[in-house]
Amino acid sequence: MIEGCYRNWGLTASEQDVAGFTIKGYSIAEIATLRGSAPGTVKTHLNAIYRKAGVAGRGQLVSLLVEDLLRAPLLEPLPNDAAVAA
């Protein structure tokens, strides 16, 4: 589901990577260390992520994804034939 959001927002592979670490609660410095990049690069990616997702910051990004997760069905619906056979 989260990857679907990333695709809908048009995130690059690097932005998806940074978004994943951000959602998990890593700091900018930690993300930079994990990715082997400069903190400024991470900040640039975060600004692009927030703009593309239409949010103002980390809290809104996480909130947006949590809301989408809560709306998503817990299980995929079964086709009619599979429901009858079960």
C-alpha atoms as a PDB file:
ATOM      1  CA  MET A   1       0.000   0.000   0.000  1.00  0.00           C
ATOM      2  CA  ILE A   2       2.794   2.404   0.890  1.00  0.00           C
ATOM      3  CA  GLU A   3       4.611   1.591  -2.342  1.00  0.00           C
ATOM      4  CA  GLY A   4       1.392   2.439  -4.198  1.00  0.00           C
ATOM      5  CA  CYS A   5       1.409   5.860  -2.535  1.00  0.00           C
ATOM      6  CA  TYR A   6       5.035   6.331  -3.553  1.00  0.00           C
ATOM      7  CA  ARG A   7       4.136   5.537  -7.174  1.00  0.00           C
ATOM      8  CA  ASN A   8       1.093   7.844  -7.101  1.00  0.00           C
ATOM      9  CA  TRP A   9       3.226  10.664  -5.760  1.00  0.00           C
ATOM     10  CA  GLY A  10       5.902  10.041  -8.392  1.00  0.00           C
ATOM     11  CA  LEU A  11       8.755   9.513  -5.930  1.00  0.00           C
ATOM     12  CA  THR A  12      12.154   8.571  -7.294  1.00  0.00           C
ATOM     13  CA  ALA A  13      13.919   5.467  -5.943  1.00  0.00           C
ATOM     14  CA  SER A  14      16.076   7.654  -3.676  1.00  0.00           C
ATOM     15  CA  GLU A  15      13.013   9.553  -2.413  1.00  0.00           C
ATOM     16  CA  GLN A  16      11.261   6.258  -1.690  1.00  0.00           C
ATOM     17  CA  ASP A  17      14.285   5.116   0.296  1.00  0.00           C
ATOM     18  CA  VAL A  18      14.382   8.339   2.324  1.00  0.00           C
ATOM     19  CA  ALA A  19      10.596   8.259   2.825  1.00  0.00           C
ATOM     20  CA  GLY A  20      10.809   4.720   4.201  1.00  0.00           C
ATOM     21  CA  PHE A  21      13.476   5.671   6.724  1.00  0.00           C
ATOM     22  CA  THR A  22      11.525   8.813   7.640  1.00  0.00           C
ATOM     23  CA  ILE A  23       8.334   6.870   8.275  1.00  0.00           C
ATOM     24  CA  LYS A  24      10.303   4.496  10.503  1.00  0.00           C
ATOM     25  CA  GLY A  25      11.375   7.483  12.608  1.00  0.00           C
ATOM     26  CA  TYR A  26      15.020   7.889  11.639  1.00  0.00           C
ATOM     27  CA  SER A  27      16.531  11.366  11.932  1.00  0.00           C
ATOM     28  CA  ILE A  28      18.033  13.210   8.982  1.00  0.00           C
ATOM     29  CA  ALA A  29      21.545  12.472  10.286  1.00  0.00           C
ATOM     30  CA  GLU A  30      20.740   8.777  10.708  1.00  0.00           C
ATOM     31  CA  ILE A  31      19.247   8.550   7.210  1.00  0.00           C
ATOM     32  CA  ALA A  32      22.309  10.265   5.757  1.00  0.00           C
ATOM     33  CA  THR A  33      24.603   7.782   7.505  1.00  0.00           C
ATOM     34  CA  LEU A  34      22.527   4.784   6.425  1.00  0.00           C
ATOM     35  CA  ARG A  35      22.470   5.976   2.804  1.00  0.00           C
ATOM     36  CA  GLY A  36      26.065   7.212   2.723  1.00  0.00           C
ATOM     37  CA  SER A  37      24.952  10.692   1.715  1.00  0.00           C
ATOM     38  CA  ALA A  38      25.120  14.212   3.098  1.00  0.00           C
ATOM     39  CA  PRO A  39      22.384  15.483   5.432  1.00  0.00           C
ATOM     40  CA  GLY A  40      21.692  18.247   2.887  1.00  0.00           C
ATOM     41  CA  THR A  41      20.889  15.614   0.266  1.00  0.00           C
ATOM     42  CA  VAL A  42      18.432  13.947   2.635  1.00  0.00           C
ATOM     43  CA  LYS A  43      16.799  17.326   3.318  1.00  0.00           C
ATOM     44  CA  THR A  44      16.472  17.919  -0.422  1.00  0.00           C
ATOM     45  CA  HIS A  45      14.797  14.523  -0.846  1.00  0.00           C
ATOM     46  CA  LEU A  46      12.476  15.208   2.098  1.00  0.00           C
ATOM     47  CA  ASN A  47      11.390  18.547   0.661  1.00  0.00           C
ATOM     48  CA  ALA A  48      10.572  16.833  -2.648  1.00  0.00           C
ATOM     49  CA  ILE A  49       8.691  14.040  -0.842  1.00  0.00           C
ATOM     50  CA  TYR A  50       6.609  16.499   1.184  1.00  0.00           C
ATOM     51  CA  ARG A  51       5.830  18.582  -1.913  1.00  0.00           C
ATOM     52  CA  LYS A  52       4.839  15.558  -4.008  1.00  0.00           C
ATOM     53  CA  ALA A  53       2.723  14.095  -1.180  1.00  0.00           C
ATOM     54  CA  GLY A  54       1.086  17.467  -0.521  1.00  0.00           C
ATOM     55  CA  VAL A  55       2.093  17.610   3.144  1.00  0.00           C
ATOM     56  CA  ALA A  56       3.989  20.117   5.269  1.00  0.00           C
ATOM     57  CA  GLY A  57       6.314  17.766   7.130  1.00  0.00           C
ATOM     58  CA  ARG A  58       7.118  14.416   8.710  1.00  0.00           C
ATOM     59  CA  GLY A  59       4.087  14.296  10.999  1.00  0.00           C
ATOM     60  CA  GLN A  60       1.644  14.929   8.165  1.00  0.00           C
ATOM     61  CA  LEU A  61       3.404  12.371   5.954  1.00  0.00           C
ATOM     62  CA  VAL A  62       3.078   9.663   8.590  1.00  0.00           C
ATOM     63  CA  SER A  63      -0.518  10.694   9.328  1.00  0.00           C
ATOM     64  CA  LEU A  64      -1.441  10.526   5.648  1.00  0.00           C
ATOM     65  CA  LEU A  65      -0.044   7.017   5.319  1.00  0.00           C
ATOM     66  CA  VAL A  66      -1.677   5.829   8.562  1.00  0.00           C
ATOM     67  CA  GLU A  67      -5.046   7.138   7.355  1.00  0.00           C
ATOM     68  CA  ASP A  68      -4.619   5.250   4.070  1.00  0.00           C
ATOM     69  CA  LEU A  69      -3.669   2.078   5.965  1.00  0.00           C
ATOM     70  CA  LEU A  70      -6.744   2.364   8.173  1.00  0.00           C
ATOM     71  CA  ARG A  71      -8.991   2.726   5.125  1.00  0.00           C
ATOM     72  CA  ALA A  72      -7.463  -0.234   3.301  1.00  0.00           C
ATOM     73  CA  PRO A  73      -9.245  -3.590   3.609  1.00  0.00           C
ATOM     74  CA  LEU A  74      -7.559  -6.001   5.984  1.00  0.00           C
ATOM     75  CA  LEU A  75      -7.968  -8.883   3.551  1.00  0.00           C
ATOM     76  CA  GLU A  76      -8.376  -9.044  -0.189  1.00  0.00           C
ATOM     77  CA  PRO A  77     -11.948 -10.024  -1.094  1.00  0.00           C
ATOM     78  CA  LEU A  78     -12.287 -13.584  -2.335  1.00  0.00           C
ATOM     79  CA  PRO A  79     -13.658 -14.223  -5.797  1.00  0.00           C
ATOM     80  CA  ASN A  80     -17.217 -15.594  -5.679  1.00  0.00           C
ATOM     81  CA  ASP A  81     -16.087 -19.114  -6.590  1.00  0.00           C
ATOM     82  CA  ALA A  82     -13.466 -19.239  -3.823  1.00  0.00           C
ATOM     83  CA  ALA A  83     -15.971 -18.025  -1.229  1.00  0.00           C
ATOM     84  CA  VAL A  84     -18.415 -20.801  -2.157  1.00  0.00           C
ATOM     85  CA  ALA A  85     -15.704 -23.477  -2.093  1.00  0.00           C
ATOM     86  CA  ALA A  86     -14.475 -22.375   1.348  1.00  0.00           C
END
